[in-house]
Amino acid sequence: MTERKRTRKIDWEDLRFFVALAEEGTLSGAARRLGVNHATVSRRVARLETSLGAVLFDRRETGFGLTAEGEAVLMHARPMSEAALAIRHDLDAGARAGGTVRITCTPTLADRWLVGSLVPFRAANPTIDVEVFASTQALSLGRWESDIAIRLARPLDGELLCRRAASLAFALYARHDMAAAVENGDGERFPVVGYPPDETPLPESRALADWAGGRRMAFRSNSLSAQLAAVEAGFGIGMLPCYLADASPHLSRIPGTEDLPSREVWILARRDVARRPRVRALLDHLFARFEKDRAAFAGAVLPEAVRDCALSPSPPLAPA
């Protein structure tokens, strides 16, 4: 009988580097995620390809794309990667109530609402630390980059625990004198404040464009906080979340523009992670705080957490 050709033994570490490159798409992205240099990622992936006797990636100018063989390997390697991360996470976390809970959230919601809402949680749970990653880039719950995610869109992953927390209302705002001029029919001369043209179209930016018609856009930013500051400074009229703009003493809503598209706020977590005591405690707290501020997010009243965070001095924390 002819001896079958044997391949080299597969090193799990090589598979881990392969998964990172497959998901990030670039050597630099995979290197940042793994905490190594890009040459190490390239060497590990090349060694895996040699071991398997297959080309796993198409090298392109824009990055790395999987071949058919690479897709097949990823289907098996990704669950292995998630299982290994889960083991490490469980050993690190244990079943104790204390420890760190990681949250990913949009920057404005993190700065203007989340921090204030966490003040009573910190007082009631002094052994639980909170790590907030404020970014419009969603971290992966599956790769344990975050325990809880607060996002402005309904998730497509049916494996996640998800719950709609609030409806986020938007309205048009301007400085008091400009808003009064608009109400008196003299507002056509005012420009608008919004997002850069290369930003992904959002419901609120499309609504602003429909309302503004051909008005000049005097200020553009991908930061809602910067847009808020620009509207306060008199650059023009902006489409802003009510919970954010209602907290400003310098702004008024443009009359007749309250019934505009809203966004849904969702809280997400992996089902197994949500059972951990410290994560469950923070989830329960967030659900309760969103419920308490439901009317504020809908544009009816000023959120208590915003008022506490933005306008009141911070109370001293009890020693942990």
C-alpha atoms as a PDB file:
ATOM      1  CA  MET A   1       0.000   0.000   0.000  1.00  0.00           C
ATOM      2  CA  THR A   2       1.325   3.387  -0.979  1.00  0.00           C
ATOM      3  CA  GLU A   3       1.990   5.595   2.044  1.00  0.00           C
ATOM      4  CA  ARG A   4      -0.214   8.651   1.995  1.00  0.00           C
ATOM      5  CA  LYS A   5       1.463  12.036   1.938  1.00  0.00           C
ATOM      6  CA  ARG A   6       1.569  13.575   5.400  1.00  0.00           C
ATOM      7  CA  THR A   7       1.437  17.229   6.289  1.00  0.00           C
ATOM      8  CA  ARG A   8       3.141  18.867   9.229  1.00  0.00           C
ATOM      9  CA  LYS A   9       1.356  19.023  12.550  1.00  0.00           C
ATOM     10  CA  ILE A  10      -0.908  22.077  12.837  1.00  0.00           C
ATOM     11  CA  ASP A  11       0.067  24.538  15.557  1.00  0.00           C
ATOM     12  CA  TRP A  12      -2.963  26.086  17.322  1.00  0.00           C
ATOM     13  CA  GLU A  13      -1.121  29.388  17.629  1.00  0.00           C
ATOM     14  CA  ASP A  14      -0.879  29.517  13.839  1.00  0.00           C
ATOM     15  CA  LEU A  15      -4.653  29.042  13.638  1.00  0.00           C
ATOM     16  CA  ARG A  16      -5.164  31.896  16.095  1.00  0.00           C
ATOM     17  CA  PHE A  17      -3.117  34.203  13.873  1.00  0.00           C
ATOM     18  CA  PHE A  18      -5.030  32.972  10.832  1.00  0.00           C
ATOM     19  CA  VAL A  19      -8.400  33.801  12.438  1.00  0.00           C
ATOM     20  CA  ALA A  20      -7.215  37.287  13.376  1.00  0.00           C
ATOM     21  CA  LEU A  21      -6.033  38.023   9.824  1.00  0.00           C
ATOM     22  CA  ALA A  22      -9.219  36.581   8.322  1.00  0.00           C
ATOM     23  CA  GLU A  23     -11.410  38.803  10.505  1.00  0.00           C
ATOM     24  CA  GLU A  24      -9.304  41.974  10.347  1.00  0.00           C
ATOM     25  CA  GLY A  25      -8.367  41.754   6.673  1.00  0.00           C
ATOM     26  CA  THR A  26      -4.950  43.404   7.044  1.00  0.00           C
ATOM     27  CA  LEU A  27      -1.632  42.461   8.632  1.00  0.00           C
ATOM     28  CA  SER A  28      -1.566  45.688  10.643  1.00  0.00           C
ATOM     29  CA  GLY A  29      -5.100  45.137  11.965  1.00  0.00           C
ATOM     30  CA  ALA A  30      -4.356  41.551  12.991  1.00  0.00           C
ATOM     31  CA  ALA A  31      -1.083  42.642  14.587  1.00  0.00           C
ATOM     32  CA  ARG A  32      -2.806  45.334  16.682  1.00  0.00           C
ATOM     33  CA  ARG A  33      -5.439  42.845  17.826  1.00  0.00           C
ATOM     34  CA  LEU A  34      -2.861  40.226  18.826  1.00  0.00           C
ATOM     35  CA  GLY A  35      -0.298  42.647  20.253  1.00  0.00           C
ATOM     36  CA  VAL A  36       2.518  41.600  17.894  1.00  0.00           C
ATOM     37  CA  ASN A  37       4.176  43.054  14.803  1.00  0.00           C
ATOM     38  CA  HIS A  38       2.888  42.425  11.296  1.00  0.00           C
ATOM     39  CA  ALA A  39       5.921  40.295  10.362  1.00  0.00           C
ATOM     40  CA  THR A  40       4.954  37.789  13.061  1.00  0.00           C
ATOM     41  CA  VAL A  41       1.414  37.544  11.671  1.00  0.00           C
ATOM     42  CA  SER A  42       2.762  37.008   8.145  1.00  0.00           C
ATOM     43  CA  ARG A  43       5.201  34.340   9.287  1.00  0.00           C
ATOM     44  CA  ARG A  44       2.590  32.429  11.314  1.00  0.00           C
ATOM     45  CA  VAL A  45       0.056  32.414   8.482  1.00  0.00           C
ATOM     46  CA  ALA A  46       2.692  31.317   5.965  1.00  0.00           C
ATOM     47  CA  ARG A  47       3.652  28.440   8.268  1.00  0.00           C
ATOM     48  CA  LEU A  48       0.015  27.358   8.548  1.00  0.00           C
ATOM     49  CA  GLU A  49      -0.360  27.395   4.763  1.00  0.00           C
ATOM     50  CA  THR A  50       2.746  25.212   4.494  1.00  0.00           C
ATOM     51  CA  SER A  51       1.406  22.806   7.122  1.00  0.00           C
ATOM     52  CA  LEU A  52      -1.932  22.479   5.335  1.00  0.00           C
ATOM     53  CA  GLY A  53      -0.474  22.475   1.848  1.00  0.00           C
ATOM     54  CA  ALA A  54      -3.014  25.109   0.788  1.00  0.00           C
ATOM     55  CA  VAL A  55      -3.159  28.803  -0.044  1.00  0.00           C
ATOM     56  CA  LEU A  56      -5.571  30.383   2.452  1.00  0.00           C
ATOM     57  CA  PHE A  57      -5.465  34.033   1.369  1.00  0.00           C
ATOM     58  CA  ASP A  58      -5.522  36.090  -1.789  1.00  0.00           C
ATOM     59  CA  ARG A  59      -3.006  38.898  -1.308  1.00  0.00           C
ATOM     60  CA  ARG A  60      -4.585  42.096  -2.609  1.00  0.00           C
ATOM     61  CA  GLU A  61      -3.649  45.776  -2.582  1.00  0.00           C
ATOM     62  CA  THR A  62      -6.498  46.480  -0.165  1.00  0.00           C
ATOM     63  CA  GLY A  63      -5.712  43.595   2.182  1.00  0.00           C
ATOM     64  CA  PHE A  64      -6.148  39.859   2.539  1.00  0.00           C
ATOM     65  CA  GLY A  65      -9.176  37.975   1.204  1.00  0.00           C
ATOM     66  CA  LEU A  66      -9.910  34.334   1.956  1.00  0.00           C
ATOM     67  CA  THR A  67      -9.642  31.699  -0.739  1.00  0.00           C
ATOM     68  CA  ALA A  68     -12.157  28.838  -0.867  1.00  0.00           C
ATOM     69  CA  GLU A  69      -9.724  26.754   1.191  1.00  0.00           C
ATOM     70  CA  GLY A  70      -9.365  29.620   3.642  1.00  0.00           C
ATOM     71  CA  GLU A  71     -13.143  29.871   4.074  1.00  0.00           C
ATOM     72  CA  ALA A  72     -13.273  26.150   4.877  1.00  0.00           C
ATOM     73  CA  VAL A  73     -10.492  26.470   7.461  1.00  0.00           C
ATOM     74  CA  LEU A  74     -12.118  29.531   9.058  1.00  0.00           C
ATOM     75  CA  MET A  75     -15.400  27.645   9.522  1.00  0.00           C
ATOM     76  CA  HIS A  76     -13.592  25.257  11.890  1.00  0.00           C
ATOM     77  CA  ALA A  77     -10.971  27.608  13.332  1.00  0.00           C
ATOM     78  CA  ARG A  78     -13.310  30.400  14.481  1.00  0.00           C
ATOM     79  CA  PRO A  79     -15.249  28.215  17.000  1.00  0.00           C
ATOM     80  CA  MET A  80     -11.901  26.968  18.319  1.00  0.00           C
ATOM     81  CA  SER A  81     -10.759  30.564  18.799  1.00  0.00           C
ATOM     82  CA  GLU A  82     -13.962  31.538  20.596  1.00  0.00           C
ATOM     83  CA  ALA A  83     -13.779  28.462  22.832  1.00  0.00           C
ATOM     84  CA  ALA A  84     -10.191  29.244  23.809  1.00  0.00           C
ATOM     85  CA  LEU A  85     -11.107  32.844  24.621  1.00  0.00           C
ATOM     86  CA  ALA A  86     -14.078  31.635  26.649  1.00  0.00           C
ATOM     87  CA  ILE A  87     -11.845  29.360  28.727  1.00  0.00           C
ATOM     88  CA  ARG A  88      -9.426  32.196  29.404  1.00  0.00           C
ATOM     89  CA  HIS A  89     -12.278  34.578  30.229  1.00  0.00           C
ATOM     90  CA  ASP A  90     -13.908  32.106  32.651  1.00  0.00           C
ATOM     91  CA  LEU A  91     -10.657  31.330  34.433  1.00  0.00           C
ATOM     92  CA  ASP A  92      -9.908  35.025  34.747  1.00  0.00           C
ATOM     93  CA  ALA A  93     -13.404  35.964  35.863  1.00  0.00           C
ATOM     94  CA  GLY A  94     -14.537  33.009  37.913  1.00  0.00           C
ATOM     95  CA  ALA A  95     -18.009  33.205  39.411  1.00  0.00           C
ATOM     96  CA  ARG A  96     -17.341  36.059  41.817  1.00  0.00           C
ATOM     97  CA  ALA A  97     -19.447  39.180  41.768  1.00  0.00           C
ATOM     98  CA  GLY A  98     -16.458  41.546  41.644  1.00  0.00           C
ATOM     99  CA  GLY A  99     -14.179  42.248  38.719  1.00  0.00           C
ATOM    100  CA  THR A 100     -14.370  44.232  35.491  1.00  0.00           C
ATOM    101  CA  VAL A 101     -17.276  44.563  33.068  1.00  0.00           C
ATOM    102  CA  ARG A 102     -16.496  45.896  29.590  1.00  0.00           C
ATOM    103  CA  ILE A 103     -19.046  48.013  27.726  1.00  0.00           C
ATOM    104  CA  THR A 104     -18.899  49.308  24.159  1.00  0.00           C
ATOM    105  CA  CYS A 105     -21.048  52.361  23.453  1.00  0.00           C
ATOM    106  CA  THR A 106     -21.245  55.329  21.081  1.00  0.00           C
ATOM    107  CA  PRO A 107     -19.025  58.223  22.270  1.00  0.00           C
ATOM    108  CA  THR A 108     -21.795  60.755  22.857  1.00  0.00           C
ATOM    109  CA  LEU A 109     -24.031  58.355  24.735  1.00  0.00           C
ATOM    110  CA  ALA A 110     -21.049  57.243  26.813  1.00  0.00           C
ATOM    111  CA  ASP A 111     -19.961  60.787  27.697  1.00  0.00           C
ATOM    112  CA  ARG A 112     -23.358  62.428  28.142  1.00  0.00           C
ATOM    113  CA  TRP A 113     -25.483  59.651  29.665  1.00  0.00           C
ATOM    114  CA  LEU A 114     -23.675  56.437  30.550  1.00  0.00           C
ATOM    115  CA  VAL A 115     -21.179  57.928  33.011  1.00  0.00           C
ATOM    116  CA  GLY A 116     -23.901  59.698  34.957  1.00  0.00           C
ATOM    117  CA  SER A 117     -26.073  56.603  35.000  1.00  0.00           C
ATOM    118  CA  LEU A 118     -23.215  54.549  36.483  1.00  0.00           C
ATOM    119  CA  VAL A 119     -22.806  56.735  39.584  1.00  0.00           C
ATOM    120  CA  PRO A 120     -25.456  54.891  41.673  1.00  0.00           C
ATOM    121  CA  PHE A 121     -24.238  51.538  40.302  1.00  0.00           C
ATOM    122  CA  ARG A 122     -20.727  52.280  41.530  1.00  0.00           C
ATOM    123  CA  ALA A 123     -22.058  53.214  44.965  1.00  0.00           C
ATOM    124  CA  ALA A 124     -24.058  49.967  45.212  1.00  0.00           C
ATOM    125  CA  ASN A 125     -21.337  47.723  43.703  1.00  0.00           C
ATOM    126  CA  PRO A 126     -17.933  49.000  44.871  1.00  0.00           C
ATOM    127  CA  THR A 127     -16.113  45.773  43.865  1.00  0.00           C
ATOM    128  CA  ILE A 128     -17.207  45.948  40.222  1.00  0.00           C
ATOM    129  CA  ASP A 129     -15.079  48.037  37.869  1.00  0.00           C
ATOM    130  CA  VAL A 130     -16.415  49.288  34.543  1.00  0.00           C
ATOM    131  CA  GLU A 131     -14.379  49.632  31.361  1.00  0.00           C
ATOM    132  CA  VAL A 132     -16.066  51.696  28.624  1.00  0.00           C
ATOM    133  CA  PHE A 133     -14.900  51.624  25.009  1.00  0.00           C
ATOM    134  CA  ALA A 134     -16.525  54.682  23.464  1.00  0.00           C
ATOM    135  CA  SER A 135     -16.541  54.295  19.697  1.00  0.00           C
ATOM    136  CA  THR A 136     -18.844  54.054  16.715  1.00  0.00           C
ATOM    137  CA  GLN A 137     -16.871  50.924  15.810  1.00  0.00           C
ATOM    138  CA  ALA A 138     -18.641  47.932  17.332  1.00  0.00           C
ATOM    139  CA  LEU A 139     -16.462  45.598  19.368  1.00  0.00           C
ATOM    140  CA  SER A 140     -17.013  41.873  19.047  1.00  0.00           C
ATOM    141  CA  LEU A 141     -18.998  40.202  21.816  1.00  0.00           C
ATOM    142  CA  GLY A 142     -18.049  36.832  20.344  1.00  0.00           C
ATOM    143  CA  ARG A 143     -14.322  37.538  20.691  1.00  0.00           C
ATOM    144  CA  TRP A 144     -14.763  38.766  24.281  1.00  0.00           C
ATOM    145  CA  GLU A 145     -13.675  42.301  23.374  1.00  0.00           C
ATOM    146  CA  SER A 146     -16.748  43.493  25.255  1.00  0.00           C
ATOM    147  CA  ASP A 147     -19.237  42.023  27.730  1.00  0.00           C
ATOM    148  CA  ILE A 148     -22.098  44.433  27.005  1.00  0.00           C
ATOM    149  CA  ALA A 149     -22.807  46.507  23.906  1.00  0.00           C
ATOM    150  CA  ILE A 150     -25.130  49.511  23.640  1.00  0.00           C
ATOM    151  CA  ARG A 151     -25.917  50.048  19.968  1.00  0.00           C
ATOM    152  CA  LEU A 152     -28.231  52.159  17.849  1.00  0.00           C
ATOM    153  CA  ALA A 153     -29.442  49.356  15.606  1.00  0.00           C
ATOM    154  CA  ARG A 154     -31.176  46.037  16.097  1.00  0.00           C
ATOM    155  CA  PRO A 155     -28.641  43.183  16.021  1.00  0.00           C
ATOM    156  CA  LEU A 156     -28.753  40.536  13.315  1.00  0.00           C
ATOM    157  CA  ASP A 157     -27.124  37.842  15.454  1.00  0.00           C
ATOM    158  CA  GLY A 158     -29.905  35.737  16.941  1.00  0.00           C
ATOM    159  CA  GLU A 159     -27.501  34.098  19.388  1.00  0.00           C
ATOM    160  CA  LEU A 160     -27.176  37.285  21.424  1.00  0.00           C
ATOM    161  CA  LEU A 161     -29.309  38.362  24.336  1.00  0.00           C
ATOM    162  CA  CYS A 162     -30.793  41.633  23.112  1.00  0.00           C
ATOM    163  CA  ARG A 163     -33.348  44.046  24.443  1.00  0.00           C
ATOM    164  CA  ARG A 164     -34.623  47.339  23.099  1.00  0.00           C
ATOM    165  CA  ALA A 165     -33.822  49.885  25.791  1.00  0.00           C
ATOM    166  CA  ALA A 166     -35.190  53.150  24.423  1.00  0.00           C
ATOM    167  CA  SER A 167     -36.322  55.125  21.424  1.00  0.00           C
ATOM    168  CA  LEU A 168     -33.865  57.933  20.680  1.00  0.00           C
ATOM    169  CA  ALA A 169     -35.700  61.005  19.364  1.00  0.00           C
ATOM    170  CA  PHE A 170     -34.122  63.728  17.235  1.00  0.00           C
ATOM    171  CA  ALA A 171     -35.229  67.307  16.597  1.00  0.00           C
ATOM    172  CA  LEU A 172     -33.864  70.423  14.937  1.00  0.00           C
ATOM    173  CA  TYR A 173     -32.125  72.841  17.310  1.00  0.00           C
ATOM    174  CA  ALA A 174     -30.629  76.300  17.081  1.00  0.00           C
ATOM    175  CA  ARG A 175     -29.382  79.015  19.379  1.00  0.00           C
ATOM    176  CA  HIS A 176     -32.267  80.856  21.061  1.00  0.00           C
ATOM    177  CA  ASP A 177     -32.073  83.940  18.841  1.00  0.00           C
ATOM    178  CA  MET A 178     -31.911  81.844  15.663  1.00  0.00           C
ATOM    179  CA  ALA A 179     -34.796  79.622  16.771  1.00  0.00           C
ATOM    180  CA  ALA A 180     -36.907  82.730  17.451  1.00  0.00           C
ATOM    181  CA  ALA A 181     -36.115  84.051  13.979  1.00  0.00           C
ATOM    182  CA  VAL A 182     -37.172  80.739  12.427  1.00  0.00           C
ATOM    183  CA  GLU A 183     -40.439  80.842  14.387  1.00  0.00           C
ATOM    184  CA  ASN A 184     -41.073  84.361  13.055  1.00  0.00           C
ATOM    185  CA  GLY A 185     -40.567  83.173   9.458  1.00  0.00           C
ATOM    186  CA  ASP A 186     -37.078  84.624   9.054  1.00  0.00           C
ATOM    187  CA  GLY A 187     -35.040  81.443   9.178  1.00  0.00           C
ATOM    188  CA  GLU A 188     -34.228  80.757   5.529  1.00  0.00           C
ATOM    189  CA  ARG A 189     -30.913  82.617   5.832  1.00  0.00           C
ATOM    190  CA  PHE A 190     -29.481  80.255   8.447  1.00  0.00           C
ATOM    191  CA  PRO A 191     -27.173  77.425   7.296  1.00  0.00           C
ATOM    192  CA  VAL A 192     -27.109  73.947   8.842  1.00  0.00           C
ATOM    193  CA  VAL A 193     -24.741  71.768  10.853  1.00  0.00           C
ATOM    194  CA  GLY A 194     -24.359  68.068  10.049  1.00  0.00           C
ATOM    195  CA  TYR A 195     -22.194  65.102   9.095  1.00  0.00           C
ATOM    196  CA  PRO A 196     -19.425  65.047   6.445  1.00  0.00           C
ATOM    197  CA  PRO A 197     -20.593  63.801   3.029  1.00  0.00           C
ATOM    198  CA  ASP A 198     -18.415  60.684   3.200  1.00  0.00           C
ATOM    199  CA  GLU A 199     -20.066  59.463   6.420  1.00  0.00           C
ATOM    200  CA  THR A 200     -22.502  56.548   6.190  1.00  0.00           C
ATOM    201  CA  PRO A 201     -25.977  58.072   5.696  1.00  0.00           C
ATOM    202  CA  LEU A 202     -27.957  58.003   8.939  1.00  0.00           C
ATOM    203  CA  PRO A 203     -31.729  58.489   9.321  1.00  0.00           C
ATOM    204  CA  GLU A 204     -31.217  61.783  11.143  1.00  0.00           C
ATOM    205  CA  SER A 205     -28.808  63.158   8.520  1.00  0.00           C
ATOM    206  CA  ARG A 206     -31.207  62.215   5.727  1.00  0.00           C
ATOM    207  CA  ALA A 207     -34.033  63.958   7.591  1.00  0.00           C
ATOM    208  CA  LEU A 208     -31.837  67.052   7.990  1.00  0.00           C
ATOM    209  CA  ALA A 209     -31.083  67.064   4.256  1.00  0.00           C
ATOM    210  CA  ASP A 210     -34.793  66.769   3.427  1.00  0.00           C
ATOM    211  CA  TRP A 211     -35.639  69.670   5.734  1.00  0.00           C
ATOM    212  CA  ALA A 212     -32.716  71.872   4.713  1.00  0.00           C
ATOM    213  CA  GLY A 213     -33.219  71.588   0.976  1.00  0.00           C
ATOM    214  CA  GLY A 214     -30.472  73.604  -0.660  1.00  0.00           C
ATOM    215  CA  ARG A 215     -29.208  75.396   2.442  1.00  0.00           C
ATOM    216  CA  ARG A 216     -25.473  75.701   2.880  1.00  0.00           C
ATOM    217  CA  MET A 217     -23.877  73.361   5.426  1.00  0.00           C
ATOM    218  CA  ALA A 218     -21.618  75.664   7.421  1.00  0.00           C
ATOM    219  CA  PHE A 219     -20.144  73.029   9.732  1.00  0.00           C
ATOM    220  CA  ARG A 220     -19.579  69.299   9.349  1.00  0.00           C
ATOM    221  CA  SER A 221     -18.312  66.751  11.874  1.00  0.00           C
ATOM    222  CA  ASN A 222     -18.614  63.027  12.526  1.00  0.00           C
ATOM    223  CA  SER A 223     -18.837  63.896  16.247  1.00  0.00           C
ATOM    224  CA  LEU A 224     -22.241  64.690  17.714  1.00  0.00           C
ATOM    225  CA  SER A 225     -20.549  66.559  20.562  1.00  0.00           C
ATOM    226  CA  ALA A 226     -18.785  68.769  18.021  1.00  0.00           C
ATOM    227  CA  GLN A 227     -22.057  69.340  16.178  1.00  0.00           C
ATOM    228  CA  LEU A 228     -23.690  70.325  19.469  1.00  0.00           C
ATOM    229  CA  ALA A 229     -20.889  72.815  20.179  1.00  0.00           C
ATOM    230  CA  ALA A 230     -21.192  74.244  16.667  1.00  0.00           C
ATOM    231  CA  VAL A 231     -24.952  74.768  17.013  1.00  0.00           C
ATOM    232  CA  GLU A 232     -24.392  76.409  20.413  1.00  0.00           C
ATOM    233  CA  ALA A 233     -21.799  78.692  18.801  1.00  0.00           C
ATOM    234  CA  GLY A 234     -24.254  79.817  16.142  1.00  0.00           C
ATOM    235  CA  PHE A 235     -22.845  78.011  13.096  1.00  0.00           C
ATOM    236  CA  GLY A 236     -26.359  77.025  12.099  1.00  0.00           C
ATOM    237  CA  ILE A 237     -29.285  74.684  12.709  1.00  0.00           C
ATOM    238  CA  GLY A 238     -28.522  71.082  13.642  1.00  0.00           C
ATOM    239  CA  MET A 239     -30.313  67.756  13.915  1.00  0.00           C
ATOM    240  CA  LEU A 240     -29.472  66.552  17.425  1.00  0.00           C
ATOM    241  CA  PRO A 241     -30.649  63.870  19.884  1.00  0.00           C
ATOM    242  CA  CYS A 242     -33.175  65.417  22.237  1.00  0.00           C
ATOM    243  CA  TYR A 243     -31.553  63.968  25.368  1.00  0.00           C
ATOM    244  CA  LEU A 244     -28.328  65.758  24.390  1.00  0.00           C
ATOM    245  CA  ALA A 245     -29.592  69.102  23.100  1.00  0.00           C
ATOM    246  CA  ASP A 246     -32.295  69.528  25.769  1.00  0.00           C
ATOM    247  CA  ALA A 247     -29.510  69.623  28.364  1.00  0.00           C
ATOM    248  CA  SER A 248     -28.000  72.720  26.747  1.00  0.00           C
ATOM    249  CA  PRO A 249     -29.104  76.066  28.235  1.00  0.00           C
ATOM    250  CA  HIS A 250     -28.181  77.766  24.948  1.00  0.00           C
ATOM    251  CA  LEU A 251     -30.463  75.893  22.545  1.00  0.00           C
ATOM    252  CA  SER A 252     -34.133  75.778  21.599  1.00  0.00           C
ATOM    253  CA  ARG A 253     -35.998  73.338  19.406  1.00  0.00           C
ATOM    254  CA  ILE A 254     -37.122  74.608  16.038  1.00  0.00           C
ATOM    255  CA  PRO A 255     -40.942  74.652  16.298  1.00  0.00           C
ATOM    256  CA  GLY A 256     -42.803  72.059  14.267  1.00  0.00           C
ATOM    257  CA  THR A 257     -39.817  69.734  13.810  1.00  0.00           C
ATOM    258  CA  GLU A 258     -40.343  67.359  16.715  1.00  0.00           C
ATOM    259  CA  ASP A 259     -41.864  64.464  14.737  1.00  0.00           C
ATOM    260  CA  LEU A 260     -38.692  63.299  13.015  1.00  0.00           C
ATOM    261  CA  PRO A 261     -37.104  59.847  12.557  1.00  0.00           C
ATOM    262  CA  SER A 262     -35.904  58.232  15.771  1.00  0.00           C
ATOM    263  CA  ARG A 263     -33.280  55.562  16.452  1.00  0.00           C
ATOM    264  CA  GLU A 264     -33.627  52.455  18.612  1.00  0.00           C
ATOM    265  CA  VAL A 265     -31.193  51.873  21.463  1.00  0.00           C
ATOM    266  CA  TRP A 266     -30.383  48.188  22.067  1.00  0.00           C
ATOM    267  CA  ILE A 267     -28.487  46.478  24.870  1.00  0.00           C
ATOM    268  CA  LEU A 268     -26.677  43.304  23.816  1.00  0.00           C
ATOM    269  CA  ALA A 269     -24.733  40.569  25.565  1.00  0.00           C
ATOM    270  CA  ARG A 270     -23.787  36.965  25.001  1.00  0.00           C
ATOM    271  CA  ARG A 271     -26.214  34.714  26.835  1.00  0.00           C
ATOM    272  CA  ASP A 272     -23.474  32.863  28.710  1.00  0.00           C
ATOM    273  CA  VAL A 273     -21.785  36.143  29.705  1.00  0.00           C
ATOM    274  CA  ALA A 274     -25.084  37.644  30.904  1.00  0.00           C
ATOM    275  CA  ARG A 275     -25.329  34.923  33.558  1.00  0.00           C
ATOM    276  CA  ARG A 276     -22.170  36.080  35.308  1.00  0.00           C
ATOM    277  CA  PRO A 277     -23.106  37.916  38.526  1.00  0.00           C
ATOM    278  CA  ARG A 278     -21.263  41.173  37.832  1.00  0.00           C
ATOM    279  CA  VAL A 279     -22.498  41.365  34.224  1.00  0.00           C
ATOM    280  CA  ARG A 280     -26.046  40.535  35.285  1.00  0.00           C
ATOM    281  CA  ALA A 281     -25.886  43.247  37.934  1.00  0.00           C
ATOM    282  CA  LEU A 282     -24.812  45.893  35.407  1.00  0.00           C
ATOM    283  CA  LEU A 283     -27.351  44.725  32.808  1.00  0.00           C
ATOM    284  CA  ASP A 284     -30.155  45.020  35.357  1.00  0.00           C
ATOM    285  CA  HIS A 285     -28.942  48.477  36.318  1.00  0.00           C
ATOM    286  CA  LEU A 286     -28.757  49.657  32.690  1.00  0.00           C
ATOM    287  CA  PHE A 287     -32.224  48.322  31.900  1.00  0.00           C
ATOM    288  CA  ALA A 288     -33.603  50.160  34.934  1.00  0.00           C
ATOM    289  CA  ARG A 289     -31.835  53.434  34.077  1.00  0.00           C
ATOM    290  CA  PHE A 290     -33.001  53.347  30.466  1.00  0.00           C
ATOM    291  CA  GLU A 291     -36.539  52.696  31.681  1.00  0.00           C
ATOM    292  CA  LYS A 292     -36.274  55.637  34.073  1.00  0.00           C
ATOM    293  CA  ASP A 293     -35.081  57.916  31.253  1.00  0.00           C
ATOM    294  CA  ARG A 294     -37.369  56.485  28.568  1.00  0.00           C
ATOM    295  CA  ALA A 295     -39.385  59.709  28.283  1.00  0.00           C
ATOM    296  CA  ALA A 296     -36.201  61.788  28.131  1.00  0.00           C
ATOM    297  CA  PHE A 297     -34.762  59.760  25.254  1.00  0.00           C
ATOM    298  CA  ALA A 298     -38.115  60.156  23.505  1.00  0.00           C
ATOM    299  CA  GLY A 299     -37.668  63.929  23.801  1.00  0.00           C
ATOM    300  CA  ALA A 300     -40.163  64.679  26.575  1.00  0.00           C
ATOM    301  CA  VAL A 301     -37.980  65.684  29.557  1.00  0.00           C
ATOM    302  CA  LEU A 302     -34.332  66.170  30.492  1.00  0.00           C
ATOM    303  CA  PRO A 303     -32.666  62.850  31.444  1.00  0.00           C
ATOM    304  CA  GLU A 304     -31.771  62.674  35.116  1.00  0.00           C
ATOM    305  CA  ALA A 305     -28.447  60.997  34.322  1.00  0.00           C
ATOM    306  CA  VAL A 306     -27.516  63.806  31.922  1.00  0.00           C
ATOM    307  CA  ARG A 307     -28.432  66.438  34.484  1.00  0.00           C
ATOM    308  CA  ASP A 308     -26.511  64.691  37.244  1.00  0.00           C
ATOM    309  CA  CYS A 309     -23.446  64.119  35.073  1.00  0.00           C
ATOM    310  CA  ALA A 310     -23.281  67.470  33.286  1.00  0.00           C
ATOM    311  CA  LEU A 311     -24.592  69.984  35.801  1.00  0.00           C
ATOM    312  CA  SER A 312     -23.866  68.621  39.278  1.00  0.00           C
ATOM    313  CA  PRO A 313     -20.509  68.211  41.023  1.00  0.00           C
ATOM    314  CA  SER A 314     -19.440  64.590  41.324  1.00  0.00           C
ATOM    315  CA  PRO A 315     -19.827  63.145  44.829  1.00  0.00           C
ATOM    316  CA  PRO A 316     -16.726  61.532  46.338  1.00  0.00           C
ATOM    317  CA  LEU A 317     -16.555  57.786  45.782  1.00  0.00           C
ATOM    318  CA  ALA A 318     -16.448  55.443  48.740  1.00  0.00           C
ATOM    319  CA  PRO A 319     -13.197  53.474  48.993  1.00  0.00           C
ATOM    320  CA  ALA A 320     -13.350  50.237  47.020  1.00  0.00           C
END
